[in-house]
Amino acid sequence: MKQPTQTKQAKRFGWPELLLTALAALLVGFYAGTVFVDAYRAGKAGSAPTAQTQTPAARAEDESHEAERARITILERQVAAKPDDLAAWIELGNLAFDTHQPNKAAPAYEAALKLDPRNPDVWTDLGIMYRDLGRFRDAVAAFDKAVALDPGHDNARFNKGVVLLHDLKDRDGALEAWEGLVRVNPLAQTPDGRPLVDVIAETRKAR
């Protein structure tokens, strides 16, 4: 489904730090499938285009988000009236995720998991939203829940490594997470198609 990125203030690095920073920049996009890259998360400056300058694709996306936000309003009323509606909570979380509202998505996923804590995909999406909210350790815990439920969950394992390396500066923990992924899926790749084994090797060289 989705995925976040964050920007950092520029500073000078030695070669090992430069390599790790490049790896972090590559990986902060998160794993394709449950996560996404979006310009708003990349912190790009500039005002939104006007209707006159928008491309047809951009206008279609805006209209899509308007429909999604309208659906979110309906779902919020629905879960308020029927708080045990698991499907509605998950849909609400997914739509809030897709419209870049982690403050709405995370509570929706939490409510869904209270009703059914056995869904590794929801745990993974919750972890991504926790990261978006700056709750990095909670994100790692959510990914761990997903992996406990589904040891072959590539997205959870990969994203855990991203948070550990990029946000918590825990290189050893990130390597452990990715090596665990390679053990269950030797062909695992980064979002841009690089073999994860190559990234692990480069990360180790940066020590």
Protein backbone atom coordinates (compact mmCIF):
# COMPACT_ATOMS: atom_id res chain seq x y z
CA MET A 1 0.00 0.00 0.00
CA LYS A 2 2.27 2.78 1.24
CA GLN A 3 5.38 4.51 2.77
CA PRO A 4 7.02 7.57 4.52
CA THR A 5 10.25 9.49 4.17
CA GLN A 6 11.83 12.21 6.29
CA THR A 7 14.46 14.84 5.62
CA LYS A 8 17.50 15.66 7.75
CA GLN A 9 19.50 18.83 8.11
CA ALA A 10 22.71 18.79 6.10
CA LYS A 11 25.99 18.07 7.92
CA ARG A 12 29.47 16.82 7.07
CA PHE A 13 30.16 13.08 7.17
CA GLY A 14 33.15 10.83 6.99
CA TRP A 15 33.06 8.05 4.37
CA PRO A 16 31.41 5.43 6.65
CA GLU A 17 28.75 7.95 7.67
CA LEU A 18 28.21 8.94 4.05
CA LEU A 19 27.58 5.34 3.09
CA LEU A 20 25.15 4.83 5.94
CA THR A 21 23.38 8.08 5.08
CA ALA A 22 23.06 7.01 1.46
CA LEU A 23 21.67 3.68 2.57
CA ALA A 24 19.23 5.41 4.88
CA ALA A 25 18.09 7.70 2.09
CA LEU A 26 17.56 4.65 -0.08
CA LEU A 27 15.68 2.71 2.54
CA VAL A 28 13.53 5.30 4.28
CA GLY A 29 11.00 4.83 1.51
CA PHE A 30 10.02 1.55 3.17
CA TYR A 31 9.09 -1.68 1.50
CA ALA A 32 6.82 -1.72 -1.55
CA GLY A 33 3.45 -3.35 -0.99
CA THR A 34 2.49 -2.17 2.44
CA VAL A 35 4.18 1.21 2.17
CA PHE A 36 4.63 4.12 -0.20
CA VAL A 37 6.73 7.15 -1.16
CA ASP A 38 4.96 10.49 -1.35
CA ALA A 39 6.23 14.01 -1.99
CA TYR A 40 4.51 15.37 1.09
CA ARG A 41 6.54 12.99 3.29
CA ALA A 42 9.76 13.91 1.52
CA GLY A 43 9.38 17.46 2.81
CA LYS A 44 9.55 19.13 -0.59
CA ALA A 45 9.13 22.88 -0.38
CA GLY A 46 6.75 24.93 -2.44
CA SER A 47 3.08 25.67 -2.58
CA ALA A 48 0.50 23.36 -4.05
CA PRO A 49 -0.21 23.95 -7.74
CA THR A 50 -3.27 25.90 -8.69
CA ALA A 51 -6.10 24.35 -10.65
CA GLN A 52 -4.76 26.06 -13.77
CA THR A 53 -1.31 24.48 -13.46
CA GLN A 54 -2.36 21.03 -12.27
CA THR A 55 -2.00 18.15 -14.67
CA PRO A 56 -5.03 15.94 -15.36
CA ALA A 57 -3.40 13.24 -13.23
CA ALA A 58 -2.95 15.66 -10.32
CA ARG A 59 -6.55 16.81 -10.57
CA ALA A 60 -7.73 13.20 -10.64
CA GLU A 61 -5.66 12.48 -7.51
CA ASP A 62 -7.15 15.50 -5.73
CA GLU A 63 -10.64 14.35 -6.62
CA SER A 64 -9.80 10.86 -5.41
CA HIS A 65 -8.60 12.23 -2.06
CA GLU A 66 -11.79 14.27 -1.75
CA ALA A 67 -13.80 11.08 -2.18
CA GLU A 68 -11.60 9.29 0.33
CA ARG A 69 -12.00 12.06 2.90
CA ALA A 70 -15.76 11.99 2.41
CA ARG A 71 -15.69 8.25 2.99
CA ILE A 72 -13.59 8.79 6.13
CA THR A 73 -16.32 11.04 7.54
CA ILE A 74 -18.91 8.34 6.89
CA LEU A 75 -16.73 5.68 8.49
CA GLU A 76 -16.07 7.82 11.56
CA ARG A 77 -19.81 8.08 12.11
CA GLN A 78 -20.18 4.36 11.46
CA VAL A 79 -17.60 3.25 14.03
CA ALA A 80 -18.94 5.75 16.57
CA ALA A 81 -22.35 4.09 16.26
CA LYS A 82 -20.96 0.56 16.02
CA PRO A 83 -17.51 0.34 17.65
CA ASP A 84 -17.27 -3.42 17.10
CA ASP A 85 -17.29 -3.07 13.29
CA LEU A 86 -13.86 -4.51 12.51
CA ALA A 87 -14.05 -4.02 8.75
CA ALA A 88 -15.01 -0.35 9.16
CA TRP A 89 -12.09 0.31 11.51
CA ILE A 90 -9.63 -1.24 9.06
CA GLU A 91 -11.08 0.67 6.11
CA LEU A 92 -10.94 3.88 8.13
CA GLY A 93 -7.30 3.23 8.98
CA ASN A 94 -6.41 2.47 5.38
CA LEU A 95 -8.13 5.57 4.02
CA ALA A 96 -6.54 7.79 6.67
CA PHE A 97 -3.18 6.20 5.78
CA ASP A 98 -3.70 6.88 2.07
CA THR A 99 -4.67 10.50 2.72
CA HIS A 100 -1.64 11.12 4.94
CA GLN A 101 -3.48 11.38 8.27
CA PRO A 102 -1.49 9.18 10.68
CA ASN A 103 -3.21 10.82 13.65
CA LYS A 104 -6.45 9.21 12.42
CA ALA A 105 -4.99 6.05 10.94
CA ALA A 106 -3.12 4.90 14.05
CA PRO A 107 -6.14 5.00 16.42
CA ALA A 108 -8.26 3.25 13.79
CA TYR A 109 -5.73 0.45 13.43
CA GLU A 110 -5.41 0.22 17.22
CA ALA A 111 -9.18 -0.17 17.52
CA ALA A 112 -9.17 -2.85 14.82
CA LEU A 113 -6.41 -4.75 16.59
CA LYS A 114 -8.30 -4.70 19.86
CA LEU A 115 -11.09 -6.52 18.04
CA ASP A 116 -8.73 -8.86 16.18
CA PRO A 117 -5.07 -8.78 17.21
CA ARG A 118 -4.12 -11.56 14.76
CA ASN A 119 -3.77 -9.49 11.59
CA PRO A 120 -0.08 -8.99 10.65
CA ASP A 121 -0.92 -6.57 7.82
CA VAL A 122 -2.73 -4.22 10.20
CA TRP A 123 0.15 -4.44 12.69
CA THR A 124 2.55 -3.52 9.88
CA ASP A 125 0.46 -0.55 8.74
CA LEU A 126 0.15 0.58 12.36
CA GLY A 127 3.94 0.43 12.66
CA ILE A 128 4.29 2.65 9.60
CA MET A 129 1.86 5.17 11.06
CA TYR A 130 3.70 5.12 14.39
CA ARG A 131 6.86 5.97 12.50
CA ASP A 132 5.09 8.83 10.76
CA LEU A 133 4.10 10.11 14.20
CA GLY A 134 7.68 9.86 15.48
CA ARG A 135 6.85 6.89 17.74
CA PHE A 136 9.80 4.85 16.57
CA ARG A 137 9.97 2.27 19.36
CA ASP A 138 6.25 1.69 19.10
CA ALA A 139 6.77 1.16 15.37
CA VAL A 140 9.39 -1.51 16.01
CA ALA A 141 7.10 -3.21 18.52
CA ALA A 142 4.27 -3.24 15.98
CA PHE A 143 6.53 -4.78 13.34
CA ASP A 144 7.60 -7.41 15.88
CA LYS A 145 3.95 -8.27 16.46
CA ALA A 146 3.46 -8.74 12.73
CA VAL A 147 6.51 -11.00 12.45
CA ALA A 148 5.41 -13.06 15.45
CA LEU A 149 2.11 -13.69 13.69
CA ASP A 150 3.67 -14.24 10.26
CA PRO A 151 7.42 -15.02 10.29
CA GLY A 152 7.45 -14.67 6.51
CA HIS A 153 6.07 -11.13 6.52
CA ASP A 154 8.68 -9.39 4.36
CA ASN A 155 7.30 -5.89 4.82
CA ALA A 156 7.33 -5.98 8.60
CA ARG A 157 10.88 -7.33 8.75
CA PHE A 158 12.21 -4.83 6.22
CA ASN A 159 10.46 -1.84 7.75
CA LYS A 160 11.70 -2.75 11.20
CA GLY A 161 15.25 -2.56 9.86
CA VAL A 162 14.58 0.84 8.29
CA VAL A 163 13.31 2.32 11.56
CA LEU A 164 16.19 0.81 13.54
CA LEU A 165 18.85 2.11 11.13
CA HIS A 166 17.42 5.45 10.11
CA ASP A 167 15.44 6.60 13.15
CA LEU A 168 16.93 4.78 16.16
CA LYS A 169 20.52 4.64 14.82
CA ASP A 170 20.72 0.95 15.75
CA ARG A 171 22.75 -0.53 12.92
CA ASP A 172 23.22 -3.91 14.59
CA GLY A 173 19.49 -4.21 15.19
CA ALA A 174 18.76 -3.26 11.58
CA LEU A 175 21.22 -5.84 10.29
CA GLU A 176 19.66 -8.48 12.49
CA ALA A 177 16.18 -7.63 11.15
CA TRP A 178 17.30 -7.72 7.52
CA GLU A 179 19.34 -10.89 7.95
CA GLY A 180 16.24 -12.49 9.43
CA LEU A 181 14.34 -11.42 6.31
CA VAL A 182 16.99 -12.87 4.01
CA ARG A 183 16.81 -16.17 5.87
CA VAL A 184 13.09 -16.48 5.12
CA ASN A 185 13.32 -14.84 1.69
CA PRO A 186 16.81 -14.99 0.13
CA LEU A 187 15.55 -12.96 -2.86
CA ALA A 188 14.31 -10.00 -0.77
CA GLN A 189 14.87 -6.63 -2.44
CA THR A 190 14.79 -2.95 -1.51
CA PRO A 191 12.01 -0.74 -2.98
CA ASP A 192 14.25 0.15 -5.95
CA GLY A 193 14.98 -3.48 -6.74
CA ARG A 194 18.40 -3.88 -5.15
CA PRO A 195 19.08 -7.28 -3.53
CA LEU A 196 18.84 -6.85 0.21
CA VAL A 197 21.95 -8.99 0.65
CA ASP A 198 23.93 -6.25 -1.13
CA VAL A 199 22.57 -3.58 1.20
CA ILE A 200 23.44 -5.71 4.22
CA ALA A 201 27.02 -6.12 2.93
CA GLU A 202 27.39 -2.36 2.36
CA THR A 203 25.98 -1.58 5.78
CA ARG A 204 28.52 -3.92 7.37
CA LYS A 205 31.39 -2.27 5.45
CA ALA A 206 30.40 1.12 6.88
CA ARG A 207 31.38 0.09 10.40
